[in-house]
Protein backbone atom coordinates (compact mmCIF):
# COMPACT_ATOMS: atom_id res chain seq x y z
CA MET A 1 182.66 94.55 -176.61
CA SER A 2 184.89 96.53 -178.80
CA ARG A 3 182.20 98.97 -179.98
CA LEU A 4 180.72 99.80 -176.51
CA ARG A 5 184.67 100.31 -175.15
CA ARG A 6 184.79 102.30 -178.00
CA SER A 7 181.15 104.42 -176.89
CA LEU A 8 183.00 105.06 -173.23
CA LEU A 9 186.64 105.81 -174.29
CA THR A 10 185.22 108.73 -176.58
CA VAL A 11 183.17 109.97 -174.05
CA LEU A 12 185.30 110.16 -171.62
CA PRO A 13 186.70 113.43 -170.71
CA LYS A 14 190.04 112.07 -171.16
CA ILE A 15 192.35 115.32 -170.84
CA LEU A 16 190.24 116.41 -167.22
CA VAL A 17 190.67 112.74 -166.08
CA SER A 18 194.11 113.39 -166.53
CA ARG A 19 194.51 116.60 -165.39
CA THR A 20 192.77 115.33 -161.97
CA THR A 21 195.11 112.78 -161.71
CA GLY A 22 198.47 114.00 -162.48
CA LEU A 23 197.69 116.94 -159.84
CA LEU A 24 196.80 114.02 -157.12
CA ALA A 25 200.53 112.54 -158.34
CA HIS A 26 202.09 115.49 -158.06
CA CYS A 27 200.65 115.59 -154.12
CA PRO A 28 203.79 114.81 -151.44
CA LEU A 29 203.07 112.00 -149.37
CA PRO A 30 204.43 111.96 -145.97
CA HIS A 31 207.68 110.49 -145.35
CA GLY A 32 205.77 107.36 -143.68
CA LEU A 33 203.46 106.75 -146.17
CA ARG A 34 205.83 106.25 -148.81
CA ALA A 35 207.58 103.05 -148.62
CA PRO A 36 204.06 101.20 -147.70
CA ALA A 37 201.97 103.00 -150.60
CA TYR A 38 205.06 102.28 -153.29
CA ARG A 39 205.53 98.98 -152.23
CA ALA A 40 201.63 98.11 -152.40
CA PHE A 41 202.17 99.59 -156.21
CA ALA A 42 205.09 97.41 -156.94
CA ARG A 43 202.94 94.14 -155.88
CA ARG A 44 199.98 95.42 -158.06
CA TYR A 45 201.51 96.39 -161.20
CA GLY A 46 204.90 94.51 -160.76
CA ALA A 47 207.17 96.97 -160.46
CA ASP A 48 210.87 95.48 -159.64
CA LEU A 49 212.19 97.36 -156.43
CA THR A 50 215.48 95.77 -156.60
CA GLU A 51 216.68 98.12 -159.59
CA LEU A 52 215.88 101.56 -157.80
CA ALA A 53 219.01 103.75 -157.67
CA ASP A 54 217.17 105.56 -154.84
CA GLU A 55 215.67 104.58 -151.24
CA LEU A 56 211.88 104.28 -151.33
CA THR A 57 211.58 107.31 -148.92
CA SER A 58 213.61 109.82 -151.71
CA PHE A 59 210.45 109.53 -153.80
CA ARG A 60 207.78 112.44 -152.67
CA SER A 61 205.29 111.67 -154.48
CA LEU A 62 203.62 109.03 -156.35
CA ALA A 63 204.39 111.30 -159.77
CA GLU A 64 208.43 111.04 -158.74
CA PHE A 65 208.21 107.17 -157.93
CA PHE A 66 206.75 106.30 -161.77
CA GLN A 67 209.39 108.54 -163.09
CA ARG A 68 212.32 107.00 -160.87
CA PRO A 69 215.84 106.31 -162.32
CA LEU A 70 217.52 102.67 -162.20
CA ARG A 71 220.86 102.08 -160.50
CA ALA A 72 223.84 101.63 -162.61
CA GLY A 73 224.51 98.55 -164.28
CA ALA A 74 220.67 97.51 -164.31
CA ARG A 75 220.22 98.05 -168.20
CA PRO A 76 223.33 97.00 -169.77
CA LEU A 77 223.40 98.03 -173.13
CA ALA A 78 223.50 95.22 -175.97
CA ASP A 79 226.20 95.54 -178.71
CA ALA A 80 224.21 95.99 -181.61
CA PRO A 81 222.80 98.80 -184.14
CA LEU A 82 219.56 99.35 -182.30
CA LEU A 83 218.30 99.14 -179.24
CA CYS A 84 214.75 98.67 -177.69
CA ALA A 85 213.89 102.39 -176.32
CA CYS A 86 212.18 101.51 -173.81
CA ASP A 87 211.19 98.55 -171.24
CA GLY A 88 208.23 97.18 -172.12
CA ARG A 89 206.04 94.66 -174.67
CA ILE A 90 205.98 94.77 -178.41
CA VAL A 91 203.21 95.90 -179.89
CA THR A 92 204.52 95.41 -183.71
CA SER A 93 208.22 95.65 -184.71
CA GLY A 94 209.61 95.42 -188.41
CA PRO A 95 209.00 97.04 -191.91
CA LEU A 96 206.85 99.85 -192.38
CA GLU A 97 204.35 99.14 -194.93
CA GLY A 98 205.65 101.86 -197.40
CA ASP A 99 204.67 105.16 -195.71
CA ARG A 100 202.06 103.27 -193.10
CA ILE A 101 202.18 101.88 -189.35
CA PRO A 102 201.08 98.88 -188.21
CA GLN A 103 199.20 99.03 -184.98
CA VAL A 104 197.49 96.07 -184.59
CA LYS A 105 196.45 93.02 -187.08
CA GLY A 106 194.34 94.94 -189.73
CA VAL A 107 194.60 98.69 -188.85
CA ASP A 108 197.70 100.99 -189.82
CA TYR A 109 198.11 104.60 -189.64
CA GLY A 110 200.29 107.60 -191.95
CA LEU A 111 203.54 108.37 -190.74
CA ALA A 112 202.99 112.01 -192.19
CA GLU A 113 200.09 112.03 -189.77
CA PHE A 114 201.39 110.69 -186.59
CA LEU A 115 204.88 112.40 -187.35
CA GLY A 116 203.30 115.66 -188.15
CA SER A 117 205.99 116.71 -190.83
CA ASP A 118 205.73 115.47 -194.55
CA PRO A 119 209.09 115.65 -194.94
CA LEU A 120 210.21 113.14 -191.87
CA ALA A 121 207.52 110.73 -193.47
CA ARG A 122 208.95 110.76 -197.28
CA ALA A 123 212.36 110.06 -195.85
CA LEU A 124 211.29 106.79 -193.82
CA HIS A 125 209.14 105.42 -196.26
CA GLY A 126 209.87 102.11 -196.44
CA GLY A 127 212.24 101.65 -193.53
CA SER A 128 211.10 100.11 -190.24
CA GLN A 129 209.67 100.58 -186.71
CA GLN A 130 209.15 99.03 -183.02
CA THR A 131 206.53 100.20 -181.18
CA ILE A 132 206.22 99.02 -177.59
CA TYR A 133 203.37 99.67 -174.94
CA LEU A 134 204.83 100.82 -171.27
CA ALA A 135 202.62 99.20 -168.54
CA PRO A 136 202.25 101.03 -165.28
CA GLY A 137 204.87 98.65 -163.92
CA ASP A 138 207.25 99.31 -166.21
CA TYR A 139 210.48 101.64 -166.14
CA HIS A 140 209.44 104.78 -167.69
CA ARG A 141 212.16 106.41 -168.98
CA VAL A 142 212.90 106.54 -172.49
CA HIS A 143 216.49 106.20 -174.31
CA SER A 144 217.79 106.64 -177.62
CA PRO A 145 218.29 103.04 -179.80
CA PHE A 146 221.05 105.04 -182.26
CA ALA A 147 224.00 107.07 -182.19
CA ALA A 148 221.87 110.29 -183.60
CA THR A 149 221.88 113.98 -183.24
CA ILE A 150 218.39 115.57 -182.30
CA THR A 151 217.37 117.41 -185.01
CA SER A 152 214.29 119.14 -183.72
CA ILE A 153 211.70 118.26 -180.98
CA ARG A 154 207.77 118.61 -181.85
CA ALA A 155 205.21 118.54 -179.73
CA ILE A 156 201.64 117.32 -181.35
CA ARG A 157 198.38 118.49 -179.50
CA GLY A 158 196.07 115.85 -179.38
CA THR A 159 194.13 114.07 -177.04
CA LEU A 160 194.13 111.15 -174.28
CA PHE A 161 192.96 107.78 -175.38
CA PRO A 162 194.52 104.68 -173.14
CA VAL A 163 196.93 102.78 -175.06
CA ASN A 164 196.52 99.46 -173.89
CA PRO A 165 196.36 96.43 -176.32
CA ALA A 166 192.07 96.48 -175.79
CA ALA A 167 192.08 100.36 -176.94
CA VAL A 168 194.10 100.00 -179.65
CA ARG A 169 192.09 97.58 -180.62
CA ALA A 170 188.77 99.26 -180.53
CA ILE A 171 189.93 103.07 -181.33
CA GLY A 172 190.93 102.96 -185.18
CA GLY A 173 194.21 105.36 -185.27
CA LEU A 174 194.23 105.97 -182.13
CA PHE A 175 198.59 106.98 -181.89
CA VAL A 176 197.53 109.56 -184.43
CA ARG A 177 194.88 111.17 -182.09
CA ASN A 178 196.74 111.43 -178.79
CA ALA A 179 199.29 114.02 -178.32
CA ARG A 180 202.69 113.06 -178.73
CA VAL A 181 206.65 114.33 -178.33
CA VAL A 182 208.63 113.85 -181.72
CA PHE A 183 212.13 113.25 -181.07
CA GLU A 184 213.78 113.95 -184.97
CA ALA A 185 217.44 112.21 -185.57
CA GLN A 186 219.88 112.59 -188.06
CA LEU A 187 221.49 109.27 -187.49
CA ASP A 188 225.26 108.63 -187.46
CA ASP A 189 225.48 106.52 -190.58
CA GLY A 190 223.51 109.61 -192.62
CA ARG A 191 219.91 108.02 -192.55
CA LEU A 192 217.00 109.80 -190.44
CA GLY A 193 215.08 108.57 -187.41
CA ALA A 194 212.68 109.19 -185.27
CA VAL A 195 211.31 108.26 -181.07
CA VAL A 196 207.59 109.45 -180.44
CA MET A 197 206.64 109.29 -177.16
CA VAL A 198 202.56 108.93 -177.38
CA GLY A 199 200.46 110.38 -174.54
CA ALA A 200 197.91 108.26 -173.07
CA LEU A 201 195.07 108.96 -170.49
CA ASN A 202 196.47 109.78 -166.91
CA VAL A 203 199.66 110.30 -169.28
CA GLY A 204 199.76 113.72 -170.14
CA HIS A 205 202.93 115.50 -169.58
CA VAL A 206 205.88 113.93 -171.33
CA HIS A 207 209.42 115.34 -169.81
CA ARG A 208 212.08 116.01 -172.10
CA SER A 209 215.70 115.45 -170.46
CA CYS A 210 217.31 116.04 -173.93
CA ALA A 211 217.30 119.29 -176.13
CA ALA A 212 216.95 119.97 -180.05
CA GLY A 213 220.78 119.72 -181.51
CA ALA A 214 222.02 117.26 -178.66
CA ARG A 215 224.09 114.52 -179.69
CA VAL A 216 222.91 111.27 -177.97
CA GLN A 217 224.33 107.57 -178.17
CA PRO A 218 222.88 104.81 -177.93
CA GLY A 219 221.06 104.37 -174.48
CA ASP A 220 220.88 108.10 -173.61
CA GLU A 221 217.84 109.27 -171.85
CA LEU A 222 215.22 111.13 -173.95
CA GLY A 223 212.76 111.88 -171.96
CA ARG A 224 210.09 110.48 -169.15
CA PHE A 225 206.41 109.09 -168.85
CA GLY A 226 204.15 108.71 -165.70
CA PHE A 227 202.55 105.95 -165.13
CA GLY A 228 202.23 104.30 -168.71
CA SER A 229 202.43 104.88 -172.58
CA THR A 230 203.55 103.55 -175.57
CA VAL A 231 206.72 104.53 -177.84
CA VAL A 232 207.54 104.19 -181.56
CA GLY A 233 211.19 104.25 -183.06
CA ILE A 234 211.86 104.68 -186.88
CA VAL A 235 214.19 105.08 -189.08
CA ALA A 236 214.85 105.05 -192.38
CA PRO A 237 215.43 102.42 -195.17
CA GLY A 238 219.46 101.62 -196.13
CA GLY A 239 221.01 100.15 -192.71
CA ALA A 240 220.14 98.32 -189.78
CA ALA A 241 216.66 97.90 -189.22
CA PHE A 242 214.19 97.19 -186.37
CA GLY A 243 213.40 93.60 -186.07
CA ILE A 244 211.52 91.69 -183.49
CA ARG A 245 208.43 90.07 -184.90
CA ASP A 246 206.58 88.21 -182.44
CA PRO A 247 203.80 90.49 -180.97
CA GLU A 248 203.58 90.78 -176.68
CA ARG A 249 207.65 89.67 -176.57
CA ARG A 250 208.62 91.40 -173.28
CA VAL A 251 211.75 94.03 -173.81
CA ARG A 252 214.09 95.70 -171.29
CA MET A 253 215.89 99.26 -172.64
CA GLY A 254 219.29 98.99 -173.96
CA SER A 255 218.42 94.77 -175.49
CA ALA A 256 218.72 94.80 -179.46
CA ALA A 257 216.15 95.96 -181.62
CA THR A 258 217.65 93.99 -184.76
CA GLY A 259 216.74 90.55 -183.82
CA ASP A 260 213.68 87.92 -184.58
């Protein structure tokens, strides 16, 4: 099945499909259809509508609904040195394997290729990482897991494979083949770090909520996805480390990322 899935995903015109989906998602919905459409989406994908900051009818399109803000207090921040950057499920978390990031059992990929920077990869060597998969129903804004200055924001071109667990198992090095945006950061404790928003099928655009040079505190918004994707947080060794070890564990933005 993995071989067949790999073949089908490879020949699929992923960027064309994603652009078409994006155009459709941005089409305005008639006012009377918005609430029923979004409730149907929530039932299908498990989105929690009680957390919304705004009325359902205020979202003019599915694209706006995908990037919906939360009401104040919906995500209290843990008192921890590193936080989870988004809602979703843990794919892998914990120490880097030298200069490589575990993807799934028996599969990994290199830091330098993933980050698009040899110097940053060398600085992060031996540190720790947390990879979180966002399903379509999850809250799709991504926040800083640490206090830092964003030193650069780098877009890396690539394709748009889906990033669900089945696709990750089937496609070797998927995360270094997909388009992504790298937020490089200088942490307040002096270490370097990064947050990488990985594009996916139907998620061809990443909205950036901050600019290079910005000071961010834990929980400050970095960017937004549409539909579903993956976020990877990485920090250099020498301080607090990402430490949630159990794959598939459900996490929420703002929860502690350092516990087992």
